[in-house]
């Protein structure tokens, strides 16, 4: 492969690109297998998706700023 700075990479037949995309497909298929199996076993519904009570406007408003603590909990100053 010619580069812009006069150095020719030793990989002329493209096997590293093939290996890169082959590894990417392994990751994609593994992730797809995880999602399908967690859907059928109920792991997706039980542990990964929020429940109906967690999606109420009151809870969403309370969790709008998850990293800010009230002044009373941190000694009088707001910690962000």
C-alpha atoms as a PDB file:
ATOM      1  CA  UNK A   1       0.000   0.000   0.000  1.00  0.00           C
ATOM      2  CA  UNK A   2       1.499   3.320  -0.918  1.00  0.00           C
ATOM      3  CA  UNK A   3       1.316   6.032   1.702  1.00  0.00           C
ATOM      4  CA  UNK A   4       1.666   9.776   1.462  1.00  0.00           C
ATOM      5  CA  UNK A   5       5.096   9.925   3.059  1.00  0.00           C
ATOM      6  CA  UNK A   6       7.107   7.610   0.827  1.00  0.00           C
ATOM      7  CA  UNK A   7       6.911   4.475   2.974  1.00  0.00           C
ATOM      8  CA  UNK A   8       5.338   1.378   1.492  1.00  0.00           C
ATOM      9  CA  UNK A   9       3.556  -0.855   3.954  1.00  0.00           C
ATOM     10  CA  UNK A  10       4.606  -4.499   3.698  1.00  0.00           C
ATOM     11  CA  UNK A  11       1.017  -5.728   3.348  1.00  0.00           C
ATOM     12  CA  UNK A  12       0.509  -5.811  -0.408  1.00  0.00           C
ATOM     13  CA  UNK A  13      -2.150  -8.531  -0.583  1.00  0.00           C
ATOM     14  CA  UNK A  14      -4.702  -6.995   1.827  1.00  0.00           C
ATOM     15  CA  UNK A  15      -4.837  -9.827   4.369  1.00  0.00           C
ATOM     16  CA  UNK A  16      -4.881  -7.392   7.299  1.00  0.00           C
ATOM     17  CA  UNK A  17      -7.990  -5.670   5.931  1.00  0.00           C
ATOM     18  CA  UNK A  18      -9.611  -9.072   5.486  1.00  0.00           C
ATOM     19  CA  UNK A  19      -8.688 -10.017   9.064  1.00  0.00           C
ATOM     20  CA  UNK A  20     -10.053  -6.707  10.342  1.00  0.00           C
ATOM     21  CA  UNK A  21     -13.445  -7.186   8.692  1.00  0.00           C
ATOM     22  CA  UNK A  22     -13.571 -10.848   9.678  1.00  0.00           C
ATOM     23  CA  UNK A  23     -13.048  -9.837  13.309  1.00  0.00           C
ATOM     24  CA  UNK A  24     -15.730  -7.171  12.977  1.00  0.00           C
ATOM     25  CA  UNK A  25     -18.227  -9.777  11.762  1.00  0.00           C
ATOM     26  CA  UNK A  26     -17.356 -12.011  14.718  1.00  0.00           C
ATOM     27  CA  UNK A  27     -18.149  -9.110  17.068  1.00  0.00           C
ATOM     28  CA  UNK A  28     -21.412  -8.299  15.236  1.00  0.00           C
ATOM     29  CA  UNK A  29     -22.602 -11.914  15.248  1.00  0.00           C
ATOM     30  CA  UNK A  30     -21.681 -12.352  18.917  1.00  0.00           C
ATOM     31  CA  UNK A  31     -23.642  -9.227  19.829  1.00  0.00           C
ATOM     32  CA  UNK A  32     -26.610 -10.405  17.770  1.00  0.00           C
ATOM     33  CA  UNK A  33     -26.520 -13.777  19.503  1.00  0.00           C
ATOM     34  CA  UNK A  34     -26.454 -11.998  22.899  1.00  0.00           C
ATOM     35  CA  UNK A  35     -29.470  -9.827  22.049  1.00  0.00           C
ATOM     36  CA  UNK A  36     -31.495 -12.757  20.672  1.00  0.00           C
ATOM     37  CA  UNK A  37     -30.689 -15.036  23.605  1.00  0.00           C
ATOM     38  CA  UNK A  38     -31.394 -12.308  26.180  1.00  0.00           C
ATOM     39  CA  UNK A  39     -34.729 -11.648  24.486  1.00  0.00           C
ATOM     40  CA  UNK A  40     -35.776 -15.290  24.721  1.00  0.00           C
ATOM     41  CA  UNK A  41     -34.515 -15.853  28.282  1.00  0.00           C
ATOM     42  CA  UNK A  42     -36.124 -12.663  29.597  1.00  0.00           C
ATOM     43  CA  UNK A  43     -32.817 -11.055  30.589  1.00  0.00           C
ATOM     44  CA  UNK A  44     -33.551  -8.121  28.287  1.00  0.00           C
ATOM     45  CA  UNK A  45     -36.915  -7.403  29.895  1.00  0.00           C
ATOM     46  CA  UNK A  46     -35.901  -8.097  33.522  1.00  0.00           C
ATOM     47  CA  UNK A  47     -32.461  -6.512  33.769  1.00  0.00           C
ATOM     48  CA  UNK A  48     -31.828  -4.160  30.862  1.00  0.00           C
ATOM     49  CA  UNK A  49     -35.063  -2.307  30.083  1.00  0.00           C
ATOM     50  CA  UNK A  50     -36.564   0.160  32.572  1.00  0.00           C
ATOM     51  CA  UNK A  51     -39.847  -0.809  34.195  1.00  0.00           C
ATOM     52  CA  UNK A  52     -43.035   1.163  33.683  1.00  0.00           C
ATOM     53  CA  UNK A  53     -42.656   2.876  37.067  1.00  0.00           C
ATOM     54  CA  UNK A  54     -39.189   4.099  36.079  1.00  0.00           C
ATOM     55  CA  UNK A  55     -40.606   5.901  33.051  1.00  0.00           C
ATOM     56  CA  UNK A  56     -43.077   8.160  34.896  1.00  0.00           C
ATOM     57  CA  UNK A  57     -42.740  11.948  34.586  1.00  0.00           C
ATOM     58  CA  UNK A  58     -42.023  12.258  38.305  1.00  0.00           C
ATOM     59  CA  UNK A  59     -39.080   9.851  38.166  1.00  0.00           C
ATOM     60  CA  UNK A  60     -37.757  11.287  34.916  1.00  0.00           C
ATOM     61  CA  UNK A  61     -37.901  14.805  36.377  1.00  0.00           C
ATOM     62  CA  UNK A  62     -36.150  13.676  39.546  1.00  0.00           C
ATOM     63  CA  UNK A  63     -33.383  11.979  37.557  1.00  0.00           C
ATOM     64  CA  UNK A  64     -32.904  14.828  35.103  1.00  0.00           C
ATOM     65  CA  UNK A  65     -29.596  15.811  36.700  1.00  0.00           C
ATOM     66  CA  UNK A  66     -28.166  12.563  38.073  1.00  0.00           C
ATOM     67  CA  UNK A  67     -24.773  14.011  39.057  1.00  0.00           C
ATOM     68  CA  UNK A  68     -25.960  17.005  41.099  1.00  0.00           C
ATOM     69  CA  UNK A  69     -26.461  16.523  44.836  1.00  0.00           C
ATOM     70  CA  UNK A  70     -28.731  18.769  46.934  1.00  0.00           C
ATOM     71  CA  UNK A  71     -26.898  21.311  49.085  1.00  0.00           C
ATOM     72  CA  UNK A  72     -28.027  19.659  52.321  1.00  0.00           C
ATOM     73  CA  UNK A  73     -26.380  16.333  51.428  1.00  0.00           C
ATOM     74  CA  UNK A  74     -22.927  17.773  50.739  1.00  0.00           C
ATOM     75  CA  UNK A  75     -22.442  20.297  53.501  1.00  0.00           C
ATOM     76  CA  UNK A  76     -23.990  23.451  52.056  1.00  0.00           C
ATOM     77  CA  UNK A  77     -22.533  23.624  48.529  1.00  0.00           C
ATOM     78  CA  UNK A  78     -23.774  22.082  45.305  1.00  0.00           C
ATOM     79  CA  UNK A  79     -21.543  19.309  44.014  1.00  0.00           C
ATOM     80  CA  UNK A  80     -21.712  18.644  40.291  1.00  0.00           C
END
